[in-house]
Amino acid sequence: MSDAHPAVPQSKEYVAEFIDGPFEGRVEHRILIDGKYDEEISEMASVVGSERLFWYVAEDSRVIQGVPHVRYRWDERDSDAVQDDTDIDSLRF
């Protein structure tokens, strides 16, 4: 009998956690590219009838049960302007 622990399978996806901005609290599964997560991602939302692009930058990461989890912080300077987060139609569930 071996004392070695079984290897955790390498994940092909990661969990993106949005920690602030218009998508604060949102979590989504994304695909790892060449085993790496995206350093910067964009999200689109409809604000008062027009599409807005919001940029997020990786803050930090950790592995939970073999799956990478990456926290993303809103890059307000590079994102389209939004006056009030409650106006984002795509965030109403």
PDB file of N, CA and C in Angstrom:
ATOM      1  N   MET A   1       0.837  -1.170   0.000  1.00  0.00           N
ATOM      2  CA  MET A   1       0.000   0.000   0.000  1.00  0.00           C
ATOM      3  C   MET A   1       0.887   1.240   0.000  1.00  0.00           C
ATOM      4  N   SER A   2       0.545   2.187  -0.828  1.00  0.00           N
ATOM      5  CA  SER A   2       1.349   3.391  -0.995  1.00  0.00           C
ATOM      6  C   SER A   2       0.794   4.527  -0.146  1.00  0.00           C
ATOM      7  N   ASP A   3       1.684   5.375   0.340  1.00  0.00           N
ATOM      8  CA  ASP A   3       1.269   6.557   1.096  1.00  0.00           C
ATOM      9  C   ASP A   3       0.966   7.744   0.191  1.00  0.00           C
ATOM     10  N   ALA A   4       1.203   7.580  -1.089  1.00  0.00           N
ATOM     11  CA  ALA A   4       0.985   8.690  -2.030  1.00  0.00           C
ATOM     12  C   ALA A   4      -0.504   9.007  -2.146  1.00  0.00           C
ATOM     13  N   HIS A   5      -0.810  10.290  -2.236  1.00  0.00           N
ATOM     14  CA  HIS A   5      -2.187  10.723  -2.424  1.00  0.00           C
ATOM     15  C   HIS A   5      -2.521  10.681  -3.906  1.00  0.00           C
ATOM     16  N   PRO A   6      -3.749  10.310  -4.246  1.00  0.00           N
ATOM     17  CA  PRO A   6      -4.120  10.310  -5.666  1.00  0.00           C
ATOM     18  C   PRO A   6      -4.046  11.728  -6.233  1.00  0.00           C
ATOM     19  N   ALA A   7      -3.615  11.816  -7.469  1.00  0.00           N
ATOM     20  CA  ALA A   7      -3.492  13.121  -8.123  1.00  0.00           C
ATOM     21  C   ALA A   7      -4.869  13.685  -8.433  1.00  0.00           C
ATOM     22  N   VAL A   8      -5.014  14.985  -8.217  1.00  0.00           N
ATOM     23  CA  VAL A   8      -6.256  15.667  -8.571  1.00  0.00           C
ATOM     24  C   VAL A   8      -6.206  15.943 -10.064  1.00  0.00           C
ATOM     25  N   PRO A   9      -7.244  15.569 -10.801  1.00  0.00           N
ATOM     26  CA  PRO A   9      -7.213  15.807 -12.243  1.00  0.00           C
ATOM     27  C   PRO A   9      -7.074  17.297 -12.559  1.00  0.00           C
ATOM     28  N   GLN A  10      -6.331  17.584 -13.617  1.00  0.00           N
ATOM     29  CA  GLN A  10      -6.138  18.957 -14.072  1.00  0.00           C
ATOM     30  C   GLN A  10      -7.456  19.477 -14.643  1.00  0.00           C
ATOM     31  N   SER A  11      -7.910  20.622 -14.154  1.00  0.00           N
ATOM     32  CA  SER A  11      -9.162  21.197 -14.628  1.00  0.00           C
ATOM     33  C   SER A  11      -8.980  21.828 -16.003  1.00  0.00           C
ATOM     34  N   LYS A  12     -10.021  21.785 -16.806  1.00  0.00           N
ATOM     35  CA  LYS A  12     -10.010  22.434 -18.117  1.00  0.00           C
ATOM     36  C   LYS A  12     -10.791  23.746 -18.070  1.00  0.00           C
ATOM     37  N   GLU A  13     -11.311  24.057 -16.908  1.00  0.00           N
ATOM     38  CA  GLU A  13     -12.045  25.299 -16.749  1.00  0.00           C
ATOM     39  C   GLU A  13     -11.684  25.943 -15.419  1.00  0.00           C
ATOM     40  N   TYR A  14     -12.111  27.186 -15.284  1.00  0.00           N
ATOM     41  CA  TYR A  14     -11.907  27.890 -14.031  1.00  0.00           C
ATOM     42  C   TYR A  14     -13.166  28.670 -13.681  1.00  0.00           C
ATOM     43  N   VAL A  15     -13.232  29.106 -12.448  1.00  0.00           N
ATOM     44  CA  VAL A  15     -14.374  29.879 -11.975  1.00  0.00           C
ATOM     45  C   VAL A  15     -13.947  31.338 -11.877  1.00  0.00           C
ATOM     46  N   ALA A  16     -14.665  32.207 -12.571  1.00  0.00           N
ATOM     47  CA  ALA A  16     -14.417  33.651 -12.512  1.00  0.00           C
ATOM     48  C   ALA A  16     -15.396  34.252 -11.512  1.00  0.00           C
ATOM     49  N   GLU A  17     -14.854  34.981 -10.535  1.00  0.00           N
ATOM     50  CA  GLU A  17     -15.660  35.629  -9.507  1.00  0.00           C
ATOM     51  C   GLU A  17     -15.495  37.137  -9.652  1.00  0.00           C
ATOM     52  N   PHE A  18     -16.596  37.850  -9.855  1.00  0.00           N
ATOM     53  CA  PHE A  18     -16.558  39.303 -10.022  1.00  0.00           C
ATOM     54  C   PHE A  18     -16.752  39.948  -8.651  1.00  0.00           C
ATOM     55  N   ILE A  19     -15.735  40.670  -8.169  1.00  0.00           N
ATOM     56  CA  ILE A  19     -15.752  41.143  -6.788  1.00  0.00           C
ATOM     57  C   ILE A  19     -16.239  42.581  -6.629  1.00  0.00           C
ATOM     58  N   ASP A  20     -16.412  43.308  -7.729  1.00  0.00           N
ATOM     59  CA  ASP A  20     -16.942  44.660  -7.630  1.00  0.00           C
ATOM     60  C   ASP A  20     -17.471  45.112  -8.984  1.00  0.00           C
ATOM     61  N   GLY A  21     -17.898  46.360  -9.061  1.00  0.00           N
ATOM     62  CA  GLY A  21     -18.397  46.895 -10.322  1.00  0.00           C
ATOM     63  C   GLY A  21     -19.793  46.413 -10.659  1.00  0.00           C
ATOM     64  N   PRO A  22     -20.206  46.638 -11.900  1.00  0.00           N
ATOM     65  CA  PRO A  22     -21.570  46.290 -12.318  1.00  0.00           C
ATOM     66  C   PRO A  22     -21.910  44.806 -12.192  1.00  0.00           C
ATOM     67  N   PHE A  23     -20.932  43.929 -12.248  1.00  0.00           N
ATOM     68  CA  PHE A  23     -21.198  42.487 -12.185  1.00  0.00           C
ATOM     69  C   PHE A  23     -20.826  41.891 -10.824  1.00  0.00           C
ATOM     70  N   GLU A  24     -20.702  42.738  -9.811  1.00  0.00           N
ATOM     71  CA  GLU A  24     -20.324  42.291  -8.471  1.00  0.00           C
ATOM     72  C   GLU A  24     -21.211  41.142  -8.011  1.00  0.00           C
ATOM     73  N   GLY A  25     -20.568  40.084  -7.491  1.00  0.00           N
ATOM     74  CA  GLY A  25     -21.293  38.924  -6.987  1.00  0.00           C
ATOM     75  C   GLY A  25     -21.567  37.861  -8.033  1.00  0.00           C
ATOM     76  N   ARG A  26     -21.348  38.166  -9.294  1.00  0.00           N
ATOM     77  CA  ARG A  26     -21.586  37.194 -10.367  1.00  0.00           C
ATOM     78  C   ARG A  26     -20.431  36.192 -10.417  1.00  0.00           C
ATOM     79  N   VAL A  27     -20.759  34.948 -10.707  1.00  0.00           N
ATOM     80  CA  VAL A  27     -19.778  33.874 -10.835  1.00  0.00           C
ATOM     81  C   VAL A  27     -20.069  33.139 -12.128  1.00  0.00           C
ATOM     82  N   GLU A  28     -19.033  32.826 -12.897  1.00  0.00           N
ATOM     83  CA  GLU A  28     -19.237  32.061 -14.126  1.00  0.00           C
ATOM     84  C   GLU A  28     -18.067  31.115 -14.363  1.00  0.00           C
ATOM     85  N   HIS A  29     -18.354  30.027 -15.068  1.00  0.00           N
ATOM     86  CA  HIS A  29     -17.326  29.061 -15.441  1.00  0.00           C
ATOM     87  C   HIS A  29     -16.783  29.449 -16.806  1.00  0.00           C
ATOM     88  N   ARG A  30     -15.447  29.462 -16.924  1.00  0.00           N
ATOM     89  CA  ARG A  30     -14.787  29.838 -18.169  1.00  0.00           C
ATOM     90  C   ARG A  30     -13.747  28.768 -18.501  1.00  0.00           C
ATOM     91  N   ILE A  31     -13.354  28.704 -19.757  1.00  0.00           N
ATOM     92  CA  ILE A  31     -12.406  27.698 -20.237  1.00  0.00           C
ATOM     93  C   ILE A  31     -10.970  28.200 -20.089  1.00  0.00           C
ATOM     94  N   LEU A  32     -10.103  27.341 -19.552  1.00  0.00           N
ATOM     95  CA  LEU A  32      -8.670  27.645 -19.500  1.00  0.00           C
ATOM     96  C   LEU A  32      -8.097  27.516 -20.913  1.00  0.00           C
ATOM     97  N   ILE A  33      -7.257  28.448 -21.319  1.00  0.00           N
ATOM     98  CA  ILE A  33      -6.578  28.395 -22.613  1.00  0.00           C
ATOM     99  C   ILE A  33      -5.117  28.074 -22.349  1.00  0.00           C
ATOM    100  N   ASP A  34      -4.651  26.945 -22.887  1.00  0.00           N
ATOM    101  CA  ASP A  34      -3.289  26.470 -22.629  1.00  0.00           C
ATOM    102  C   ASP A  34      -3.005  26.374 -21.134  1.00  0.00           C
ATOM    103  N   GLY A  35      -4.031  25.979 -20.354  1.00  0.00           N
ATOM    104  CA  GLY A  35      -3.879  25.801 -18.920  1.00  0.00           C
ATOM    105  C   GLY A  35      -3.854  27.088 -18.121  1.00  0.00           C
ATOM    106  N   LYS A  36      -4.158  28.222 -18.763  1.00  0.00           N
ATOM    107  CA  LYS A  36      -4.093  29.518 -18.083  1.00  0.00           C
ATOM    108  C   LYS A  36      -5.442  30.226 -18.140  1.00  0.00           C
ATOM    109  N   TYR A  37      -5.694  31.017 -17.105  1.00  0.00           N
ATOM    110  CA  TYR A  37      -6.908  31.836 -17.093  1.00  0.00           C
ATOM    111  C   TYR A  37      -6.610  33.186 -17.739  1.00  0.00           C
ATOM    112  N   ASP A  38      -7.666  33.897 -18.105  1.00  0.00           N
ATOM    113  CA  ASP A  38      -7.533  35.216 -18.719  1.00  0.00           C
ATOM    114  C   ASP A  38      -7.120  36.239 -17.668  1.00  0.00           C
ATOM    115  N   GLU A  39      -6.126  37.048 -17.979  1.00  0.00           N
ATOM    116  CA  GLU A  39      -5.708  38.128 -17.084  1.00  0.00           C
ATOM    117  C   GLU A  39      -6.697  39.287 -17.126  1.00  0.00           C
ATOM    118  N   GLU A  40      -7.380  39.430 -18.256  1.00  0.00           N
ATOM    119  CA  GLU A  40      -8.344  40.503 -18.445  1.00  0.00           C
ATOM    120  C   GLU A  40      -9.526  39.936 -19.226  1.00  0.00           C
ATOM    121  N   ILE A  41     -10.744  40.240 -18.785  1.00  0.00           N
ATOM    122  CA  ILE A  41     -11.927  39.781 -19.494  1.00  0.00           C
ATOM    123  C   ILE A  41     -12.912  40.940 -19.629  1.00  0.00           C
ATOM    124  N   SER A  42     -13.805  40.818 -20.595  1.00  0.00           N
ATOM    125  CA  SER A  42     -14.826  41.844 -20.785  1.00  0.00           C
ATOM    126  C   SER A  42     -16.206  41.211 -20.660  1.00  0.00           C
ATOM    127  N   GLU A  43     -17.143  42.016 -20.221  1.00  0.00           N
ATOM    128  CA  GLU A  43     -18.538  41.606 -20.093  1.00  0.00           C
ATOM    129  C   GLU A  43     -19.396  42.687 -20.727  1.00  0.00           C
ATOM    130  N   MET A  44     -20.436  42.284 -21.424  1.00  0.00           N
ATOM    131  CA  MET A  44     -21.338  43.205 -22.114  1.00  0.00           C
ATOM    132  C   MET A  44     -22.672  43.241 -21.375  1.00  0.00           C
ATOM    133  N   ALA A  45     -23.259  44.438 -21.275  1.00  0.00           N
ATOM    134  CA  ALA A  45     -24.574  44.578 -20.658  1.00  0.00           C
ATOM    135  C   ALA A  45     -25.342  45.687 -21.363  1.00  0.00           C
ATOM    136  N   SER A  46     -26.645  45.594 -21.287  1.00  0.00           N
ATOM    137  CA  SER A  46     -27.506  46.622 -21.856  1.00  0.00           C
ATOM    138  C   SER A  46     -27.842  47.622 -20.752  1.00  0.00           C
ATOM    139  N   VAL A  47     -27.517  48.899 -20.999  1.00  0.00           N
ATOM    140  CA  VAL A  47     -27.791  49.959 -20.035  1.00  0.00           C
ATOM    141  C   VAL A  47     -28.697  50.974 -20.711  1.00  0.00           C
ATOM    142  N   VAL A  48     -29.918  51.066 -20.241  1.00  0.00           N
ATOM    143  CA  VAL A  48     -30.921  51.985 -20.784  1.00  0.00           C
ATOM    144  C   VAL A  48     -30.973  51.875 -22.308  1.00  0.00           C
ATOM    145  N   GLY A  49     -31.042  50.648 -22.809  1.00  0.00           N
ATOM    146  CA  GLY A  49     -31.212  50.405 -24.231  1.00  0.00           C
ATOM    147  C   GLY A  49     -29.962  50.423 -25.082  1.00  0.00           C
ATOM    148  N   SER A  50     -28.791  50.681 -24.509  1.00  0.00           N
ATOM    149  CA  SER A  50     -27.563  50.644 -25.310  1.00  0.00           C
ATOM    150  C   SER A  50     -26.561  49.682 -24.679  1.00  0.00           C
ATOM    151  N   GLU A  51     -25.781  49.053 -25.534  1.00  0.00           N
ATOM    152  CA  GLU A  51     -24.798  48.074 -25.065  1.00  0.00           C
ATOM    153  C   GLU A  51     -23.585  48.780 -24.453  1.00  0.00           C
ATOM    154  N   ARG A  52     -23.115  48.269 -23.326  1.00  0.00           N
ATOM    155  CA  ARG A  52     -21.933  48.807 -22.655  1.00  0.00           C
ATOM    156  C   ARG A  52     -20.945  47.668 -22.424  1.00  0.00           C
ATOM    157  N   LEU A  53     -19.665  47.981 -22.545  1.00  0.00           N
ATOM    158  CA  LEU A  53     -18.602  47.000 -22.350  1.00  0.00           C
ATOM    159  C   LEU A  53     -17.878  47.315 -21.046  1.00  0.00           C
ATOM    160  N   PHE A  54     -17.772  46.308 -20.186  1.00  0.00           N
ATOM    161  CA  PHE A  54     -17.118  46.455 -18.886  1.00  0.00           C
ATOM    162  C   PHE A  54     -15.901  45.536 -18.825  1.00  0.00           C
ATOM    163  N   TRP A  55     -14.763  46.088 -18.460  1.00  0.00           N
ATOM    164  CA  TRP A  55     -13.517  45.323 -18.379  1.00  0.00           C
ATOM    165  C   TRP A  55     -13.204  44.957 -16.938  1.00  0.00           C
ATOM    166  N   TYR A  56     -12.693  43.738 -16.771  1.00  0.00           N
ATOM    167  CA  TYR A  56     -12.278  43.228 -15.464  1.00  0.00           C
ATOM    168  C   TYR A  56     -10.863  42.673 -15.575  1.00  0.00           C
ATOM    169  N   VAL A  57     -10.083  42.869 -14.495  1.00  0.00           N
ATOM    170  CA  VAL A  57      -8.689  42.430 -14.446  1.00  0.00           C
ATOM    171  C   VAL A  57      -8.532  41.436 -13.292  1.00  0.00           C
ATOM    172  N   ALA A  58      -7.766  40.362 -13.533  1.00  0.00           N
ATOM    173  CA  ALA A  58      -7.543  39.349 -12.505  1.00  0.00           C
ATOM    174  C   ALA A  58      -6.856  39.975 -11.295  1.00  0.00           C
ATOM    175  N   GLU A  59      -7.433  39.757 -10.131  1.00  0.00           N
ATOM    176  CA  GLU A  59      -6.908  40.275  -8.870  1.00  0.00           C
ATOM    177  C   GLU A  59      -6.002  39.237  -8.213  1.00  0.00           C
ATOM    178  N   ASP A  60      -6.525  38.027  -8.066  1.00  0.00           N
ATOM    179  CA  ASP A  60      -5.765  36.929  -7.472  1.00  0.00           C
ATOM    180  C   ASP A  60      -6.453  35.614  -7.827  1.00  0.00           C
ATOM    181  N   SER A  61      -5.804  34.510  -7.486  1.00  0.00           N
ATOM    182  CA  SER A  61      -6.379  33.199  -7.799  1.00  0.00           C
ATOM    183  C   SER A  61      -6.021  32.197  -6.711  1.00  0.00           C
ATOM    184  N   ARG A  62      -6.792  31.134  -6.667  1.00  0.00           N
ATOM    185  CA  ARG A  62      -6.551  30.024  -5.747  1.00  0.00           C
ATOM    186  C   ARG A  62      -7.172  28.777  -6.362  1.00  0.00           C
ATOM    187  N   VAL A  63      -6.789  27.615  -5.882  1.00  0.00           N
ATOM    188  CA  VAL A  63      -7.329  26.356  -6.393  1.00  0.00           C
ATOM    189  C   VAL A  63      -8.171  25.728  -5.297  1.00  0.00           C
ATOM    190  N   ILE A  64      -9.414  25.398  -5.639  1.00  0.00           N
ATOM    191  CA  ILE A  64     -10.334  24.754  -4.708  1.00  0.00           C
ATOM    192  C   ILE A  64     -10.768  23.441  -5.319  1.00  0.00           C
ATOM    193  N   GLN A  65     -10.424  22.339  -4.667  1.00  0.00           N
ATOM    194  CA  GLN A  65     -10.744  20.990  -5.125  1.00  0.00           C
ATOM    195  C   GLN A  65     -10.319  20.784  -6.578  1.00  0.00           C
ATOM    196  N   GLY A  66      -9.129  21.266  -6.907  1.00  0.00           N
ATOM    197  CA  GLY A  66      -8.557  21.056  -8.230  1.00  0.00           C
ATOM    198  C   GLY A  66      -9.029  22.016  -9.304  1.00  0.00           C
ATOM    199  N   VAL A  67      -9.916  22.956  -8.943  1.00  0.00           N
ATOM    200  CA  VAL A  67     -10.445  23.908  -9.921  1.00  0.00           C
ATOM    201  C   VAL A  67      -9.946  25.311  -9.578  1.00  0.00           C
ATOM    202  N   PRO A  68      -9.277  25.982 -10.523  1.00  0.00           N
ATOM    203  CA  PRO A  68      -8.844  27.355 -10.267  1.00  0.00           C
ATOM    204  C   PRO A  68     -10.037  28.292 -10.096  1.00  0.00           C
ATOM    205  N   HIS A  69      -9.933  29.186  -9.133  1.00  0.00           N
ATOM    206  CA  HIS A  69     -10.914  30.242  -8.909  1.00  0.00           C
ATOM    207  C   HIS A  69     -10.152  31.557  -9.012  1.00  0.00           C
ATOM    208  N   VAL A  70     -10.648  32.455  -9.866  1.00  0.00           N
ATOM    209  CA  VAL A  70      -9.968  33.730 -10.100  1.00  0.00           C
ATOM    210  C   VAL A  70     -10.919  34.858  -9.739  1.00  0.00           C
ATOM    211  N   ARG A  71     -10.438  35.774  -8.903  1.00  0.00           N
ATOM    212  CA  ARG A  71     -11.227  36.952  -8.544  1.00  0.00           C
ATOM    213  C   ARG A  71     -10.862  38.082  -9.497  1.00  0.00           C
ATOM    214  N   TYR A  72     -11.895  38.720 -10.059  1.00  0.00           N
ATOM    215  CA  TYR A  72     -11.701  39.810 -11.014  1.00  0.00           C
ATOM    216  C   TYR A  72     -12.208  41.123 -10.443  1.00  0.00           C
ATOM    217  N   ARG A  73     -11.389  42.164 -10.601  1.00  0.00           N
ATOM    218  CA  ARG A  73     -11.732  43.516 -10.166  1.00  0.00           C
ATOM    219  C   ARG A  73     -12.093  44.359 -11.380  1.00  0.00           C
ATOM    220  N   TRP A  74     -13.127  45.189 -11.233  1.00  0.00           N
ATOM    221  CA  TRP A  74     -13.616  46.053 -12.301  1.00  0.00           C
ATOM    222  C   TRP A  74     -12.585  47.117 -12.640  1.00  0.00           C
ATOM    223  N   ASP A  75     -12.294  47.265 -13.933  1.00  0.00           N
ATOM    224  CA  ASP A  75     -11.394  48.312 -14.423  1.00  0.00           C
ATOM    225  C   ASP A  75     -12.276  49.451 -14.931  1.00  0.00           C
ATOM    226  N   GLU A  76     -12.661  50.323 -14.039  1.00  0.00           N
ATOM    227  CA  GLU A  76     -13.614  51.387 -14.367  1.00  0.00           C
ATOM    228  C   GLU A  76     -13.071  52.345 -15.427  1.00  0.00           C
ATOM    229  N   ARG A  77     -11.765  52.609 -15.409  1.00  0.00           N
ATOM    230  CA  ARG A  77     -11.184  53.552 -16.375  1.00  0.00           C
ATOM    231  C   ARG A  77     -11.301  53.066 -17.812  1.00  0.00           C
ATOM    232  N   ASP A  78     -11.152  51.752 -18.047  1.00  0.00           N
ATOM    233  CA  ASP A  78     -11.216  51.214 -19.409  1.00  0.00           C
ATOM    234  C   ASP A  78     -12.618  50.783 -19.820  1.00  0.00           C
ATOM    235  N   SER A  79     -13.561  50.802 -18.890  1.00  0.00           N
ATOM    236  CA  SER A  79     -14.927  50.371 -19.168  1.00  0.00           C
ATOM    237  C   SER A  79     -15.768  51.530 -19.670  1.00  0.00           C
ATOM    238  N   ASP A  80     -16.863  51.189 -20.357  1.00  0.00           N
ATOM    239  CA  ASP A  80     -17.831  52.202 -20.749  1.00  0.00           C
ATOM    240  C   ASP A  80     -18.475  52.777 -19.491  1.00  0.00           C
ATOM    241  N   ALA A  81     -18.920  54.021 -19.580  1.00  0.00           N
ATOM    242  CA  ALA A  81     -19.534  54.694 -18.436  1.00  0.00           C
ATOM    243  C   ALA A  81     -20.891  54.088 -18.107  1.00  0.00           C
ATOM    244  N   VAL A  82     -21.168  54.028 -16.823  1.00  0.00           N
ATOM    245  CA  VAL A  82     -22.485  53.609 -16.340  1.00  0.00           C
ATOM    246  C   VAL A  82     -22.833  54.535 -15.179  1.00  0.00           C
ATOM    247  N   GLN A  83     -24.034  55.098 -15.221  1.00  0.00           N
ATOM    248  CA  GLN A  83     -24.418  56.055 -14.187  1.00  0.00           C
ATOM    249  C   GLN A  83     -24.938  55.373 -12.939  1.00  0.00           C
ATOM    250  N   ASP A  84     -25.706  54.313 -13.115  1.00  0.00           N
ATOM    251  CA  ASP A  84     -26.336  53.652 -11.982  1.00  0.00           C
ATOM    252  C   ASP A  84     -26.374  52.160 -12.249  1.00  0.00           C
ATOM    253  N   ASP A  85     -25.759  51.365 -11.375  1.00  0.00           N
ATOM    254  CA  ASP A  85     -25.687  49.912 -11.568  1.00  0.00           C
ATOM    255  C   ASP A  85     -27.069  49.267 -11.669  1.00  0.00           C
ATOM    256  N   THR A  86     -28.098  49.892 -11.131  1.00  0.00           N
ATOM    257  CA  THR A  86     -29.430  49.281 -11.179  1.00  0.00           C
ATOM    258  C   THR A  86     -30.024  49.339 -12.577  1.00  0.00           C
ATOM    259  N   ASP A  87     -29.434  50.130 -13.488  1.00  0.00           N
ATOM    260  CA  ASP A  87     -29.947  50.244 -14.850  1.00  0.00           C
ATOM    261  C   ASP A  87     -29.472  49.129 -15.772  1.00  0.00           C
ATOM    262  N   ILE A  88     -28.625  48.234 -15.322  1.00  0.00           N
ATOM    263  CA  ILE A  88     -28.069  47.203 -16.179  1.00  0.00           C
ATOM    264  C   ILE A  88     -29.067  46.070 -16.329  1.00  0.00           C
ATOM    265  N   ASP A  89     -29.749  46.035 -17.487  1.00  0.00           N
ATOM    266  CA  ASP A  89     -30.815  45.062 -17.719  1.00  0.00           C
ATOM    267  C   ASP A  89     -30.372  43.623 -17.578  1.00  0.00           C
ATOM    268  N   SER A  90     -29.173  43.292 -18.048  1.00  0.00           N
ATOM    269  CA  SER A  90     -28.738  41.889 -18.041  1.00  0.00           C
ATOM    270  C   SER A  90     -28.468  41.366 -16.643  1.00  0.00           C
ATOM    271  N   LEU A  91     -28.410  42.242 -15.641  1.00  0.00           N
ATOM    272  CA  LEU A  91     -28.149  41.794 -14.285  1.00  0.00           C
ATOM    273  C   LEU A  91     -29.417  41.522 -13.489  1.00  0.00           C
ATOM    274  N   ARG A  92     -30.558  41.797 -14.070  1.00  0.00           N
ATOM    275  CA  ARG A  92     -31.826  41.542 -13.379  1.00  0.00           C
ATOM    276  C   ARG A  92     -32.223  40.098 -13.610  1.00  0.00           C
ATOM    277  N   PHE A  93     -32.250  39.323 -12.533  1.00  0.00           N
ATOM    278  CA  PHE A  93     -32.525  37.885 -12.647  1.00  0.00           C
ATOM    279  C   PHE A  93     -33.920  37.586 -12.150  1.00  0.00           C
TER     280      PHE A  93
END
